[in-house]
Amino acid sequence: MTRSDFKKSLARDGYTMRESAQPPNKLFPDHVHDTDLRLYILTGEIVAIYNGQTLTFKVGDSFSMAAGVRHLEEIGPEGATYLVGEKVV
């Protein structure tokens, strides 16, 4: 999926969008969100651990997470910049 396609899908599906940046090696401990999320990685990488899986997302990757899913995230050694789509459920 391209950046443009990602943005179009957010608009089509009723998500709000923002860009976010995180510093290298930042850890977001175990938590949940109260919105559905979609991310598109612009730079760096993010490791997400949820549902018993460890998944690594790199430049050009996108992923979705439903509201209420318990997870943790770790930002890669170069930091990360990404588009975030959020939808209130």
C-alpha atoms as a PDB file:
ATOM      1  CA  MET A   1       0.000   0.000   0.000  1.00  0.00           C
ATOM      2  CA  THR A   2       1.315   3.447  -0.843  1.00  0.00           C
ATOM      3  CA  ARG A   3       1.141   6.471   1.452  1.00  0.00           C
ATOM      4  CA  SER A   4      -1.518   7.953  -0.811  1.00  0.00           C
ATOM      5  CA  ASP A   5      -3.581   4.743  -0.742  1.00  0.00           C
ATOM      6  CA  PHE A   6      -3.289   4.635   3.056  1.00  0.00           C
ATOM      7  CA  LYS A   7      -4.579   8.203   3.382  1.00  0.00           C
ATOM      8  CA  LYS A   8      -7.459   7.477   1.010  1.00  0.00           C
ATOM      9  CA  SER A   9      -8.438   4.375   2.997  1.00  0.00           C
ATOM     10  CA  LEU A  10      -8.498   6.382   6.235  1.00  0.00           C
ATOM     11  CA  ALA A  11     -10.742   9.040   4.715  1.00  0.00           C
ATOM     12  CA  ARG A  12     -13.021   6.422   3.140  1.00  0.00           C
ATOM     13  CA  ASP A  13     -13.380   4.507   6.424  1.00  0.00           C
ATOM     14  CA  GLY A  14     -13.975   7.516   8.692  1.00  0.00           C
ATOM     15  CA  TYR A  15     -10.577   7.739  10.433  1.00  0.00           C
ATOM     16  CA  THR A  16      -8.904  10.970  11.509  1.00  0.00           C
ATOM     17  CA  MET A  17      -5.206  11.199  10.641  1.00  0.00           C
ATOM     18  CA  ARG A  18      -2.081  12.699  12.168  1.00  0.00           C
ATOM     19  CA  GLU A  19       1.665  12.229  11.824  1.00  0.00           C
ATOM     20  CA  SER A  20       3.703  11.155  14.830  1.00  0.00           C
ATOM     21  CA  ALA A  21       7.429  10.741  15.520  1.00  0.00           C
ATOM     22  CA  GLN A  22       9.126   8.817  18.300  1.00  0.00           C
ATOM     23  CA  PRO A  23      12.758   8.760  19.459  1.00  0.00           C
ATOM     24  CA  PRO A  24      15.004   5.702  19.141  1.00  0.00           C
ATOM     25  CA  ASN A  25      14.376   2.721  21.405  1.00  0.00           C
ATOM     26  CA  LYS A  26      11.321   4.193  23.126  1.00  0.00           C
ATOM     27  CA  LEU A  27       9.214   1.570  24.870  1.00  0.00           C
ATOM     28  CA  PHE A  28       5.471   1.872  25.304  1.00  0.00           C
ATOM     29  CA  PRO A  29       4.670  -0.663  28.047  1.00  0.00           C
ATOM     30  CA  ASP A  30       1.613  -2.879  28.054  1.00  0.00           C
ATOM     31  CA  HIS A  31      -1.470  -0.735  27.280  1.00  0.00           C
ATOM     32  CA  VAL A  32      -4.715  -0.450  25.309  1.00  0.00           C
ATOM     33  CA  HIS A  33      -6.272   2.271  23.141  1.00  0.00           C
ATOM     34  CA  ASP A  34      -9.916   3.306  23.193  1.00  0.00           C
ATOM     35  CA  THR A  35      -9.941   3.867  19.416  1.00  0.00           C
ATOM     36  CA  ASP A  36      -9.344   1.630  16.407  1.00  0.00           C
ATOM     37  CA  LEU A  37      -5.888   2.402  15.004  1.00  0.00           C
ATOM     38  CA  ARG A  38      -4.159   2.143  11.655  1.00  0.00           C
ATOM     39  CA  LEU A  39      -0.476   3.004  11.220  1.00  0.00           C
ATOM     40  CA  TYR A  40       1.689   3.542   8.141  1.00  0.00           C
ATOM     41  CA  ILE A  41       5.445   3.601   8.750  1.00  0.00           C
ATOM     42  CA  LEU A  42       7.284   6.500   7.083  1.00  0.00           C
ATOM     43  CA  THR A  43      10.760   6.070   8.644  1.00  0.00           C
ATOM     44  CA  GLY A  44      12.376   3.600  11.048  1.00  0.00           C
ATOM     45  CA  GLU A  45      10.563   0.621  12.506  1.00  0.00           C
ATOM     46  CA  ILE A  46       8.120  -0.374  15.231  1.00  0.00           C
ATOM     47  CA  VAL A  47       7.923  -3.722  16.985  1.00  0.00           C
ATOM     48  CA  ALA A  48       4.465  -4.563  18.330  1.00  0.00           C
ATOM     49  CA  ILE A  49       3.721  -7.478  20.636  1.00  0.00           C
ATOM     50  CA  TYR A  50       0.090  -8.568  20.926  1.00  0.00           C
ATOM     51  CA  ASN A  51      -2.066 -11.680  20.710  1.00  0.00           C
ATOM     52  CA  GLY A  52       1.022 -13.795  21.423  1.00  0.00           C
ATOM     53  CA  GLN A  53       2.895 -12.492  18.373  1.00  0.00           C
ATOM     54  CA  THR A  54       5.892 -10.229  17.885  1.00  0.00           C
ATOM     55  CA  LEU A  55       5.567  -8.265  14.643  1.00  0.00           C
ATOM     56  CA  THR A  56       8.069  -5.821  13.125  1.00  0.00           C
ATOM     57  CA  PHE A  57       6.800  -3.045  10.865  1.00  0.00           C
ATOM     58  CA  LYS A  58       9.222  -1.147   8.620  1.00  0.00           C
ATOM     59  CA  VAL A  59       9.058   1.681   6.071  1.00  0.00           C
ATOM     60  CA  GLY A  60       6.037   1.242   3.802  1.00  0.00           C
ATOM     61  CA  ASP A  61       4.310  -1.257   6.102  1.00  0.00           C
ATOM     62  CA  SER A  62       0.883  -0.619   7.558  1.00  0.00           C
ATOM     63  CA  PHE A  63      -1.095  -2.358  10.245  1.00  0.00           C
ATOM     64  CA  SER A  64      -4.381  -2.118  12.108  1.00  0.00           C
ATOM     65  CA  MET A  65      -5.292  -2.684  15.727  1.00  0.00           C
ATOM     66  CA  ALA A  66      -8.794  -2.753  17.157  1.00  0.00           C
ATOM     67  CA  ALA A  67      -9.687  -0.724  20.231  1.00  0.00           C
ATOM     68  CA  GLY A  68      -9.121  -2.576  23.496  1.00  0.00           C
ATOM     69  CA  VAL A  69      -6.334  -4.895  22.281  1.00  0.00           C
ATOM     70  CA  ARG A  70      -3.654  -5.144  24.976  1.00  0.00           C
ATOM     71  CA  HIS A  71      -0.179  -4.702  23.480  1.00  0.00           C
ATOM     72  CA  LEU A  72       3.241  -3.137  23.846  1.00  0.00           C
ATOM     73  CA  GLU A  73       5.337  -1.290  21.304  1.00  0.00           C
ATOM     74  CA  GLU A  74       9.047  -0.661  20.946  1.00  0.00           C
ATOM     75  CA  ILE A  75      10.493   1.897  18.563  1.00  0.00           C
ATOM     76  CA  GLY A  76      13.550   0.785  16.577  1.00  0.00           C
ATOM     77  CA  PRO A  77      17.121   2.083  16.996  1.00  0.00           C
ATOM     78  CA  GLU A  78      16.632   4.851  14.399  1.00  0.00           C
ATOM     79  CA  GLY A  79      13.367   6.136  15.854  1.00  0.00           C
ATOM     80  CA  ALA A  80      10.202   6.115  13.783  1.00  0.00           C
ATOM     81  CA  THR A  81       7.853   8.477  11.990  1.00  0.00           C
ATOM     82  CA  TYR A  82       4.417   7.252  11.014  1.00  0.00           C
ATOM     83  CA  LEU A  83       0.907   8.219  10.029  1.00  0.00           C
ATOM     84  CA  VAL A  84      -1.741   7.352  12.599  1.00  0.00           C
ATOM     85  CA  GLY A  85      -5.384   6.869  11.746  1.00  0.00           C
ATOM     86  CA  GLU A  86      -7.832   6.807  14.663  1.00  0.00           C
ATOM     87  CA  LYS A  87     -11.518   5.963  14.714  1.00  0.00           C
ATOM     88  CA  VAL A  88     -13.759   6.209  17.753  1.00  0.00           C
ATOM     89  CA  VAL A  89     -15.749   3.029  18.288  1.00  0.00           C
END
